[in-house]
C-alpha atoms as a PDB file:
ATOM      1  CA  MET A   1      31.689 -34.828  99.176  1.00  0.00           C
ATOM      2  CA  LYS A   2      32.013 -35.585  95.451  1.00  0.00           C
ATOM      3  CA  ASN A   3      32.258 -31.934  94.602  1.00  0.00           C
ATOM      4  CA  PHE A   4      34.383 -31.253  97.420  1.00  0.00           C
ATOM      5  CA  SER A   5      36.861 -33.614  95.926  1.00  0.00           C
ATOM      6  CA  ILE A   6      36.591 -32.043  92.428  1.00  0.00           C
ATOM      7  CA  ALA A   7      37.622 -28.605  94.131  1.00  0.00           C
ATOM      8  CA  ILE A   8      40.379 -29.674  95.715  1.00  0.00           C
ATOM      9  CA  ILE A   9      41.886 -31.448  92.583  1.00  0.00           C
ATOM     10  CA  SER A  10      41.085 -28.191  90.646  1.00  0.00           C
ATOM     11  CA  LEU A  11      43.065 -26.189  93.039  1.00  0.00           C
ATOM     12  CA  LEU A  12      45.658 -28.420  93.022  1.00  0.00           C
ATOM     13  CA  LEU A  13      45.706 -28.252  89.354  1.00  0.00           C
ATOM     14  CA  ILE A  14      45.937 -24.611  89.236  1.00  0.00           C
ATOM     15  CA  LEU A  15      48.708 -24.541  92.044  1.00  0.00           C
ATOM     16  CA  ALA A  16      50.713 -26.892  89.968  1.00  0.00           C
ATOM     17  CA  VAL A  17      50.078 -24.940  86.771  1.00  0.00           C
ATOM     18  CA  SER A  18      50.896 -21.520  88.481  1.00  0.00           C
ATOM     19  CA  SER A  19      54.199 -22.827  89.992  1.00  0.00           C
ATOM     20  CA  VAL A  20      55.976 -23.847  86.848  1.00  0.00           C
ATOM     21  CA  PHE A  21      57.044 -21.436  84.260  1.00  0.00           C
ATOM     22  CA  VAL A  22      58.906 -21.721  80.746  1.00  0.00           C
ATOM     23  CA  ILE A  23      62.090 -19.516  79.582  1.00  0.00           C
ATOM     24  CA  TYR A  24      62.237 -19.955  75.909  1.00  0.00           C
ATOM     25  CA  GLU A  25      65.462 -19.747  73.886  1.00  0.00           C
ATOM     26  CA  GLY A  26      66.904 -16.495  73.603  1.00  0.00           C
ATOM     27  CA  GLN A  27      65.243 -15.472  76.823  1.00  0.00           C
ATOM     28  CA  ARG A  28      66.320 -14.879  80.285  1.00  0.00           C
ATOM     29  CA  GLY A  29      64.151 -14.878  83.570  1.00  0.00           C
ATOM     30  CA  ILE A  30      64.011 -12.721  86.849  1.00  0.00           C
ATOM     31  CA  VAL A  31      61.913 -13.927  89.624  1.00  0.00           C
ATOM     32  CA  PHE A  32      60.170 -11.453  91.991  1.00  0.00           C
ATOM     33  CA  GLN A  33      58.826 -12.046  95.608  1.00  0.00           C
ATOM     34  CA  PHE A  34      56.563  -9.457  96.183  1.00  0.00           C
ATOM     35  CA  SER A  35      58.159  -7.214  93.854  1.00  0.00           C
ATOM     36  CA  LYS A  36      61.616  -7.694  95.552  1.00  0.00           C
ATOM     37  CA  ILE A  37      64.347  -9.428  93.220  1.00  0.00           C
ATOM     38  CA  LYS A  38      64.937 -13.145  93.875  1.00  0.00           C
ATOM     39  CA  ARG A  39      68.683 -13.547  94.848  1.00  0.00           C
ATOM     40  CA  ASP A  40      70.981 -16.577  94.755  1.00  0.00           C
ATOM     41  CA  SER A  41      71.141 -17.409  98.628  1.00  0.00           C
ATOM     42  CA  ALA A  42      74.837 -18.597  98.169  1.00  0.00           C
ATOM     43  CA  THR A  43      76.256 -15.274  96.423  1.00  0.00           C
ATOM     44  CA  ASP A  44      73.357 -13.047  97.105  1.00  0.00           C
ATOM     45  CA  GLU A  45      73.168 -11.818  93.652  1.00  0.00           C
ATOM     46  CA  MET A  46      70.361 -11.582  91.434  1.00  0.00           C
ATOM     47  CA  LYS A  47      69.412 -14.989  90.121  1.00  0.00           C
ATOM     48  CA  VAL A  48      68.876 -15.237  86.525  1.00  0.00           C
ATOM     49  CA  TYR A  49      67.115 -18.180  85.014  1.00  0.00           C
ATOM     50  CA  ALA A  50      68.288 -19.659  81.957  1.00  0.00           C
ATOM     51  CA  PRO A  51      66.119 -21.310  79.119  1.00  0.00           C
ATOM     52  CA  GLY A  52      64.369 -24.252  80.318  1.00  0.00           C
ATOM     53  CA  LEU A  53      61.210 -25.190  82.831  1.00  0.00           C
ATOM     54  CA  HIS A  54      61.395 -23.699  86.178  1.00  0.00           C
ATOM     55  CA  PHE A  55      59.485 -23.631  89.427  1.00  0.00           C
ATOM     56  CA  LYS A  56      58.383 -21.040  91.600  1.00  0.00           C
ATOM     57  CA  ILE A  57      55.859 -20.379  94.194  1.00  0.00           C
ATOM     58  CA  PRO A  58      52.288 -19.545  93.129  1.00  0.00           C
ATOM     59  CA  PHE A  59      50.809 -16.163  93.668  1.00  0.00           C
ATOM     60  CA  ILE A  60      54.172 -15.083  95.631  1.00  0.00           C
ATOM     61  CA  GLU A  61      56.834 -14.933  92.969  1.00  0.00           C
ATOM     62  CA  THR A  62      56.416 -13.834  89.619  1.00  0.00           C
ATOM     63  CA  VAL A  63      58.307 -13.862  86.229  1.00  0.00           C
ATOM     64  CA  ARG A  64      59.956 -10.960  84.174  1.00  0.00           C
ATOM     65  CA  LYS A  65      61.732 -12.166  80.889  1.00  0.00           C
ATOM     66  CA  LEU A  66      64.129 -10.312  79.070  1.00  0.00           C
ATOM     67  CA  ASP A  67      65.239 -10.765  75.626  1.00  0.00           C
ATOM     68  CA  ALA A  68      68.768 -12.207  75.066  1.00  0.00           C
ATOM     69  CA  ARG A  69      69.140 -11.957  71.603  1.00  0.00           C
ATOM     70  CA  ILE A  70      70.917  -9.467  69.322  1.00  0.00           C
ATOM     71  CA  GLN A  71      68.749  -6.406  69.023  1.00  0.00           C
ATOM     72  CA  THR A  72      68.985  -3.374  66.624  1.00  0.00           C
ATOM     73  CA  LEU A  73      68.912   0.201  67.874  1.00  0.00           C
ATOM     74  CA  ASP A  74      67.954   2.112  64.410  1.00  0.00           C
ATOM     75  CA  GLU A  75      66.957   5.582  65.451  1.00  0.00           C
ATOM     76  CA  PRO A  76      66.480   8.825  63.189  1.00  0.00           C
ATOM     77  CA  ALA A  77      69.407  10.665  62.050  1.00  0.00           C
ATOM     78  CA  ASP A  78      71.435  12.923  64.418  1.00  0.00           C
ATOM     79  CA  ARG A  79      73.165  16.108  64.056  1.00  0.00           C
ATOM     80  CA  PHE A  80      76.959  16.050  64.540  1.00  0.00           C
ATOM     81  CA  VAL A  81      79.653  19.294  64.206  1.00  0.00           C
ATOM     82  CA  THR A  82      82.817  18.582  62.267  1.00  0.00           C
ATOM     83  CA  SER A  83      86.268  20.101  63.455  1.00  0.00           C
ATOM     84  CA  GLU A  84      85.357  22.845  60.588  1.00  0.00           C
ATOM     85  CA  LYS A  85      82.221  24.058  62.694  1.00  0.00           C
ATOM     86  CA  LYS A  86      80.098  22.274  59.766  1.00  0.00           C
ATOM     87  CA  ASP A  87      77.039  20.416  60.729  1.00  0.00           C
ATOM     88  CA  LEU A  88      76.102  16.938  59.488  1.00  0.00           C
ATOM     89  CA  MET A  89      73.212  14.453  59.731  1.00  0.00           C
ATOM     90  CA  VAL A  90      74.462  11.487  60.689  1.00  0.00           C
ATOM     91  CA  ASP A  91      71.750   8.267  60.182  1.00  0.00           C
ATOM     92  CA  SER A  92      73.722   5.025  62.064  1.00  0.00           C
ATOM     93  CA  PHE A  93      72.445   1.943  63.847  1.00  0.00           C
ATOM     94  CA  VAL A  94      73.651  -0.424  66.577  1.00  0.00           C
ATOM     95  CA  LYS A  95      73.564  -3.971  67.157  1.00  0.00           C
ATOM     96  CA  TRP A  96      73.619  -5.196  70.673  1.00  0.00           C
ATOM     97  CA  ARG A  97      72.695  -7.650  73.156  1.00  0.00           C
ATOM     98  CA  ILE A  98      72.202  -8.062  77.066  1.00  0.00           C
ATOM     99  CA  VAL A  99      75.307 -10.160  78.608  1.00  0.00           C
ATOM    100  CA  ASP A 100      74.738  -8.830  82.233  1.00  0.00           C
ATOM    101  CA  PHE A 101      71.378  -9.224  83.194  1.00  0.00           C
ATOM    102  CA  SER A 102      71.322  -8.517  86.653  1.00  0.00           C
ATOM    103  CA  THR A 103      73.437  -4.995  85.549  1.00  0.00           C
ATOM    104  CA  TYR A 104      70.968  -4.148  82.846  1.00  0.00           C
ATOM    105  CA  TYR A 105      67.795  -4.921  85.032  1.00  0.00           C
ATOM    106  CA  LEU A 106      69.459  -2.495  87.517  1.00  0.00           C
ATOM    107  CA  ARG A 107      70.168   0.231  85.318  1.00  0.00           C
ATOM    108  CA  THR A 108      67.405  -0.029  83.199  1.00  0.00           C
ATOM    109  CA  SER A 109      64.532  -1.289  85.312  1.00  0.00           C
ATOM    110  CA  GLY A 110      64.294  -3.856  82.607  1.00  0.00           C
ATOM    111  CA  SER A 111      62.782  -1.279  80.327  1.00  0.00           C
ATOM    112  CA  VAL A 112      64.063  -1.819  76.445  1.00  0.00           C
ATOM    113  CA  ASP A 113      63.252   1.983  75.845  1.00  0.00           C
ATOM    114  CA  ASN A 114      65.333   2.862  78.827  1.00  0.00           C
ATOM    115  CA  ALA A 115      68.204   0.863  77.579  1.00  0.00           C
ATOM    116  CA  ARG A 116      68.104   2.492  73.937  1.00  0.00           C
ATOM    117  CA  ALA A 117      68.141   5.928  75.281  1.00  0.00           C
ATOM    118  CA  LEU A 118      71.079   4.948  77.679  1.00  0.00           C
ATOM    119  CA  LEU A 119      72.729   3.314  74.881  1.00  0.00           C
ATOM    120  CA  LYS A 120      72.153   6.015  72.035  1.00  0.00           C
ATOM    121  CA  GLN A 121      73.678   8.521  74.394  1.00  0.00           C
ATOM    122  CA  LYS A 122      76.678   6.687  74.891  1.00  0.00           C
ATOM    123  CA  VAL A 123      77.347   5.697  71.152  1.00  0.00           C
ATOM    124  CA  ASN A 124      76.479   9.172  69.863  1.00  0.00           C
ATOM    125  CA  ASN A 125      79.027  10.336  72.389  1.00  0.00           C
ATOM    126  CA  GLY A 126      81.604   8.405  70.762  1.00  0.00           C
ATOM    127  CA  LEU A 127      80.459   9.294  67.239  1.00  0.00           C
ATOM    128  CA  ARG A 128      80.361  12.924  68.241  1.00  0.00           C
ATOM    129  CA  THR A 129      83.974  12.917  69.524  1.00  0.00           C
ATOM    130  CA  GLU A 130      85.138  11.366  66.256  1.00  0.00           C
ATOM    131  CA  PHE A 131      83.198  13.568  63.855  1.00  0.00           C
ATOM    132  CA  GLY A 132      84.591  16.754  66.118  1.00  0.00           C
ATOM    133  CA  ASN A 133      88.119  15.740  65.199  1.00  0.00           C
ATOM    134  CA  ARG A 134      87.608  15.373  61.277  1.00  0.00           C
ATOM    135  CA  THR A 135      87.057  17.530  58.393  1.00  0.00           C
ATOM    136  CA  ILE A 136      84.065  16.817  56.094  1.00  0.00           C
ATOM    137  CA  LYS A 137      86.790  15.826  53.384  1.00  0.00           C
ATOM    138  CA  GLU A 138      88.386  13.389  55.733  1.00  0.00           C
ATOM    139  CA  ILE A 139      85.075  11.797  56.738  1.00  0.00           C
ATOM    140  CA  VAL A 140      83.945  11.315  52.865  1.00  0.00           C
ATOM    141  CA  SER A 141      87.208  10.401  51.845  1.00  0.00           C
ATOM    142  CA  GLY A 142      87.204   7.150  53.789  1.00  0.00           C
ATOM    143  CA  ASP A 143      87.520   7.702  57.603  1.00  0.00           C
ATOM    144  CA  ARG A 144      84.142   6.317  57.980  1.00  0.00           C
ATOM    145  CA  ASP A 145      85.551   2.767  58.893  1.00  0.00           C
ATOM    146  CA  ALA A 146      87.859   4.128  61.293  1.00  0.00           C
ATOM    147  CA  ILE A 147      85.162   6.455  62.497  1.00  0.00           C
ATOM    148  CA  MET A 148      82.877   3.069  63.546  1.00  0.00           C
ATOM    149  CA  SER A 149      85.654   1.417  64.973  1.00  0.00           C
ATOM    150  CA  LYS A 150      86.172   3.973  67.438  1.00  0.00           C
ATOM    151  CA  ALA A 151      82.720   4.236  68.212  1.00  0.00           C
ATOM    152  CA  LEU A 152      82.697   0.757  68.578  1.00  0.00           C
ATOM    153  CA  GLU A 153      85.675   0.767  71.163  1.00  0.00           C
ATOM    154  CA  SER A 154      84.256   3.776  73.086  1.00  0.00           C
ATOM    155  CA  ALA A 155      80.818   1.918  73.518  1.00  0.00           C
ATOM    156  CA  ALA A 156      82.660  -0.962  75.066  1.00  0.00           C
ATOM    157  CA  SER A 157      82.293   0.671  78.309  1.00  0.00           C
ATOM    158  CA  SER A 158      78.381  -0.141  78.055  1.00  0.00           C
ATOM    159  CA  ARG A 159      79.282  -3.580  79.024  1.00  0.00           C
ATOM    160  CA  GLU A 160      80.296  -2.721  82.705  1.00  0.00           C
ATOM    161  CA  ASP A 161      77.604   0.361  82.873  1.00  0.00           C
ATOM    162  CA  LEU A 162      74.823  -1.081  81.604  1.00  0.00           C
ATOM    163  CA  GLY A 163      75.250  -4.853  81.159  1.00  0.00           C
ATOM    164  CA  ILE A 164      75.008  -4.389  77.473  1.00  0.00           C
ATOM    165  CA  GLU A 165      77.647  -5.519  74.906  1.00  0.00           C
ATOM    166  CA  VAL A 166      77.534  -3.449  71.533  1.00  0.00           C
ATOM    167  CA  VAL A 167      78.134  -5.774  68.680  1.00  0.00           C
ATOM    168  CA  ASP A 168      78.587  -3.395  65.998  1.00  0.00           C
ATOM    169  CA  VAL A 169      78.282   0.267  65.181  1.00  0.00           C
ATOM    170  CA  ARG A 170      77.395   1.045  61.483  1.00  0.00           C
ATOM    171  CA  ILE A 171      76.978   4.606  59.555  1.00  0.00           C
ATOM    172  CA  LYS A 172      74.346   3.999  57.127  1.00  0.00           C
ATOM    173  CA  ALA A 173      74.501   7.858  55.365  1.00  0.00           C
ATOM    174  CA  ILE A 174      76.256  10.941  56.278  1.00  0.00           C
ATOM    175  CA  ASN A 175      74.006  14.018  54.838  1.00  0.00           C
ATOM    176  CA  LEU A 176      74.061  17.609  55.037  1.00  0.00           C
ATOM    177  CA  PRO A 177      71.272  19.430  57.131  1.00  0.00           C
ATOM    178  CA  THR A 178      67.809  20.150  54.969  1.00  0.00           C
ATOM    179  CA  GLU A 179      68.421  23.567  55.139  1.00  0.00           C
ATOM    180  CA  ILE A 180      72.208  23.702  53.913  1.00  0.00           C
ATOM    181  CA  SER A 181      71.139  21.184  51.624  1.00  0.00           C
ATOM    182  CA  GLN A 182      68.384  23.395  49.983  1.00  0.00           C
ATOM    183  CA  SER A 183      70.796  26.385  49.803  1.00  0.00           C
ATOM    184  CA  ILE A 184      73.373  24.305  47.854  1.00  0.00           C
ATOM    185  CA  TYR A 185      70.815  22.911  45.559  1.00  0.00           C
ATOM    186  CA  GLU A 186      69.511  26.409  44.983  1.00  0.00           C
ATOM    187  CA  ARG A 187      73.041  27.793  44.158  1.00  0.00           C
ATOM    188  CA  MET A 188      73.702  24.570  41.720  1.00  0.00           C
ATOM    189  CA  ARG A 189      70.504  24.979  39.958  1.00  0.00           C
ATOM    190  CA  ALA A 190      71.303  28.717  39.392  1.00  0.00           C
ATOM    191  CA  GLU A 191      74.855  28.268  38.631  1.00  0.00           C
ATOM    192  CA  ARG A 192      73.733  25.692  35.971  1.00  0.00           C
ATOM    193  CA  THR A 193      70.734  28.059  34.875  1.00  0.00           C
ATOM    194  CA  ALA A 194      73.158  30.504  34.114  1.00  0.00           C
ATOM    195  CA  VAL A 195      75.546  28.172  32.203  1.00  0.00           C
ATOM    196  CA  ALA A 196      72.362  26.898  30.179  1.00  0.00           C
ATOM    197  CA  LYS A 197      71.648  30.503  29.379  1.00  0.00           C
ATOM    198  CA  GLU A 198      75.242  31.306  28.284  1.00  0.00           C
ATOM    199  CA  HIS A 199      75.276  28.226  26.016  1.00  0.00           C
ATOM    200  CA  ARG A 200      71.926  28.863  24.586  1.00  0.00           C
ATOM    201  CA  SER A 201      73.056  32.553  23.855  1.00  0.00           C
ATOM    202  CA  GLN A 202      75.878  31.266  22.236  1.00  0.00           C
ATOM    203  CA  GLY A 203      74.063  28.731  20.382  1.00  0.00           C
ATOM    204  CA  GLN A 204      71.699  31.596  19.096  1.00  0.00           C
ATOM    205  CA  GLU A 205      74.597  33.396  18.099  1.00  0.00           C
ATOM    206  CA  GLN A 206      76.256  30.954  16.129  1.00  0.00           C
ATOM    207  CA  ALA A 207      72.735  30.303  14.374  1.00  0.00           C
ATOM    208  CA  GLU A 208      72.499  33.820  13.334  1.00  0.00           C
ATOM    209  CA  ILE A 209      75.989  33.910  11.863  1.00  0.00           C
ATOM    210  CA  ILE A 210      75.080  30.575   9.987  1.00  0.00           C
ATOM    211  CA  ARG A 211      71.890  31.895   8.877  1.00  0.00           C
ATOM    212  CA  ALA A 212      73.366  35.286   7.908  1.00  0.00           C
ATOM    213  CA  THR A 213      76.040  33.438   5.842  1.00  0.00           C
ATOM    214  CA  ILE A 214      73.494  31.211   4.292  1.00  0.00           C
ATOM    215  CA  ASP A 215      71.543  34.026   3.169  1.00  0.00           C
ATOM    216  CA  ALA A 216      74.746  35.882   1.835  1.00  0.00           C
ATOM    217  CA  LYS A 217      75.776  32.704  -0.078  1.00  0.00           C
ATOM    218  CA  VAL A 218      72.126  32.165  -1.453  1.00  0.00           C
ATOM    219  CA  THR A 219      71.781  35.932  -2.497  1.00  0.00           C
ATOM    220  CA  VAL A 220      74.983  35.736  -4.045  1.00  0.00           C
ATOM    221  CA  MET A 221      74.230  32.108  -6.065  1.00  0.00           C
ATOM    222  CA  LEU A 222      70.914  33.837  -6.851  1.00  0.00           C
ATOM    223  CA  ALA A 223      72.453  37.098  -8.329  1.00  0.00           C
ATOM    224  CA  GLU A 224      75.218  34.915 -10.148  1.00  0.00           C
ATOM    225  CA  ALA A 225      72.514  32.741 -11.581  1.00  0.00           C
ATOM    226  CA  GLN A 226      70.326  35.890 -12.750  1.00  0.00           C
ATOM    227  CA  LYS A 227      73.405  37.385 -14.166  1.00  0.00           C
ATOM    228  CA  ASN A 228      74.241  34.282 -15.925  1.00  0.00           C
ATOM    229  CA  ALA A 229      70.392  33.927 -17.008  1.00  0.00           C
ATOM    230  CA  PHE A 230      70.661  37.311 -18.432  1.00  0.00           C
ATOM    231  CA  THR A 231      73.840  36.785 -20.166  1.00  0.00           C
ATOM    232  CA  VAL A 232      72.527  33.650 -21.760  1.00  0.00           C
ATOM    233  CA  ARG A 233      69.406  35.368 -22.575  1.00  0.00           C
ATOM    234  CA  GLY A 234      71.206  38.322 -24.062  1.00  0.00           C
ATOM    235  CA  GLU A 235      73.619  35.985 -25.931  1.00  0.00           C
ATOM    236  CA  GLY A 236      70.568  34.065 -27.451  1.00  0.00           C
ATOM    237  CA  ASP A 237      68.670  37.284 -28.427  1.00  0.00           C
ATOM    238  CA  ALA A 238      71.619  38.375 -30.240  1.00  0.00           C
ATOM    239  CA  LEU A 239      71.799  35.228 -31.801  1.00  0.00           C
ATOM    240  CA  ALA A 240      68.030  35.331 -33.008  1.00  0.00           C
ATOM    241  CA  ALA A 241      68.634  38.842 -34.247  1.00  0.00           C
ATOM    242  CA  LYS A 242      71.939  37.813 -36.200  1.00  0.00           C
ATOM    243  CA  VAL A 243      69.953  35.030 -37.602  1.00  0.00           C
ATOM    244  CA  TYR A 244      66.726  37.541 -38.581  1.00  0.00           C
ATOM    245  CA  ALA A 245      69.038  39.981 -39.952  1.00  0.00           C
ATOM    246  CA  ASP A 246      70.826  37.364 -42.093  1.00  0.00           C
ATOM    247  CA  ALA A 247      67.653  35.703 -43.281  1.00  0.00           C
ATOM    248  CA  TYR A 248      66.483  39.396 -44.026  1.00  0.00           C
ATOM    249  CA  SER A 249      69.757  40.345 -45.885  1.00  0.00           C
ATOM    250  CA  LYS A 250      69.536  37.330 -48.177  1.00  0.00           C
ATOM    251  CA  ASP A 251      65.913  37.951 -49.386  1.00  0.00           C
ATOM    252  CA  ALA A 252      63.883  40.721 -47.855  1.00  0.00           C
ATOM    253  CA  ASP A 253      60.838  40.067 -49.729  1.00  0.00           C
ATOM    254  CA  PHE A 254      60.570  36.269 -48.656  1.00  0.00           C
ATOM    255  CA  TYR A 255      61.552  37.472 -45.069  1.00  0.00           C
ATOM    256  CA  SER A 256      58.511  40.015 -45.348  1.00  0.00           C
ATOM    257  CA  PHE A 257      56.302  37.286 -46.651  1.00  0.00           C
ATOM    258  CA  TYR A 258      57.462  34.719 -44.102  1.00  0.00           C
ATOM    259  CA  ARG A 259      57.010  37.179 -41.039  1.00  0.00           C
ATOM    260  CA  SER A 260      53.127  38.322 -42.617  1.00  0.00           C
ATOM    261  CA  LEU A 261      52.242  34.633 -42.885  1.00  0.00           C
ATOM    262  CA  GLU A 262      53.103  34.260 -39.347  1.00  0.00           C
ATOM    263  CA  ALA A 263      51.303  37.288 -38.526  1.00  0.00           C
ATOM    264  CA  TYR A 264      47.970  35.863 -40.081  1.00  0.00           C
ATOM    265  CA  GLU A 265      48.421  32.519 -38.428  1.00  0.00           C
ATOM    266  CA  ASN A 266      48.841  34.184 -35.002  1.00  0.00           C
ATOM    267  CA  SER A 267      45.926  36.586 -35.543  1.00  0.00           C
ATOM    268  CA  PHE A 268      43.512  34.135 -37.181  1.00  0.00           C
ATOM    269  CA  SER A 269      44.172  31.213 -34.706  1.00  0.00           C
ATOM    270  CA  SER A 270      40.896  31.384 -33.198  1.00  0.00           C
ATOM    271  CA  LYS A 271      37.317  31.382 -35.248  1.00  0.00           C
ATOM    272  CA  ASN A 272      36.212  34.158 -32.917  1.00  0.00           C
ATOM    273  CA  ASP A 273      38.500  36.599 -33.526  1.00  0.00           C
ATOM    274  CA  ILE A 274      37.437  39.887 -35.027  1.00  0.00           C
ATOM    275  CA  MET A 275      39.842  42.557 -36.434  1.00  0.00           C
ATOM    276  CA  VAL A 276      38.828  46.174 -37.204  1.00  0.00           C
ATOM    277  CA  VAL A 277      41.353  47.449 -39.858  1.00  0.00           C
ATOM    278  CA  LYS A 278      41.385  49.348 -43.125  1.00  0.00           C
ATOM    279  CA  PRO A 279      40.941  47.122 -46.205  1.00  0.00           C
ATOM    280  CA  ASP A 280      44.047  49.103 -47.636  1.00  0.00           C
ATOM    281  CA  SER A 281      45.837  48.426 -44.740  1.00  0.00           C
ATOM    282  CA  GLU A 282      49.557  47.088 -45.199  1.00  0.00           C
ATOM    283  CA  PHE A 283      48.614  44.354 -42.928  1.00  0.00           C
ATOM    284  CA  PHE A 284      46.887  42.654 -45.870  1.00  0.00           C
ATOM    285  CA  ARG A 285      49.560  43.483 -48.370  1.00  0.00           C
ATOM    286  CA  PHE A 286      50.383  40.081 -49.550  1.00  0.00           C
ATOM    287  CA  LEU A 287      46.444  38.970 -49.611  1.00  0.00           C
ATOM    288  CA  LYS A 288      45.634  41.640 -51.981  1.00  0.00           C
ATOM    289  CA  ASP A 289      48.791  41.870 -54.209  1.00  0.00           C
ATOM    290  CA  GLY A 290      49.486  38.385 -55.652  1.00  0.00           C
ATOM    291  CA  SER A 291      52.042  39.720 -57.902  1.00  0.00           C
ATOM    292  CA  ASP A 292      54.226  40.249 -54.836  1.00  0.00           C
ATOM    293  CA  THR A 293      54.020  36.701 -53.815  1.00  0.00           C
ATOM    294  CA  ASN A 294      54.751  35.630 -57.209  1.00  0.00           C
ATOM    295  CA  LYS A 295      58.188  37.468 -57.116  1.00  0.00           C
END
């Protein structure tokens, strides 16, 4: 009997716990009865449960919770065509939230992926229209705010169609397709390479001109310096010859004697010097003839 009472109490607790469900802040709930949506008996509309504590029939009714917060749709960049038939890769994001939960569930079956796919298609249609009415120059020069505003207006119909309110549409980046960007970069690189080669050749030409000018100036300076050196040396030699000539003209014998002494000094400067000359050579004239020296 005691075990039977415990089983009854446990069953009642399980039924009590199963009959209660909580909808948290930022959520909404939909109750199903055997996979059929529970409706309000007065209005025959889908019954949406607000945040709080609610009750359901255990094992018969199930709860599906939906996110009521603002969500972000941020997909990879899409390709758009301008009025010039030029392709652009546009990276954008959308802020959205569910405002009509019954319409949302009926259109998307409560699937966030389905909602995102439908919302992306609707927003992209608006963006595609706005980009198709503008040139690249207009888009880049400052029409981005106008494009986002128009796209937000065109996406307002999603409130009635999907039960979704589009809070904001923003364009993060606008780029050329990869293949076009690559060709542009290659062309820019080739142009810059050509300009660099031209500047480099001009620099080499100027360097050669400067080098040739400097070499010419150095050659002229060296020639002038050598000319001046020869001139000074010639003048010195002439002056020395004149001094020798004057000295010789004043006293020829003394000059000969003095020159012989210098020759002796230079010849016998080393003790190891050996000379092979005749004793009666003119070189020893002042050593042999003392009478000439006395004069």
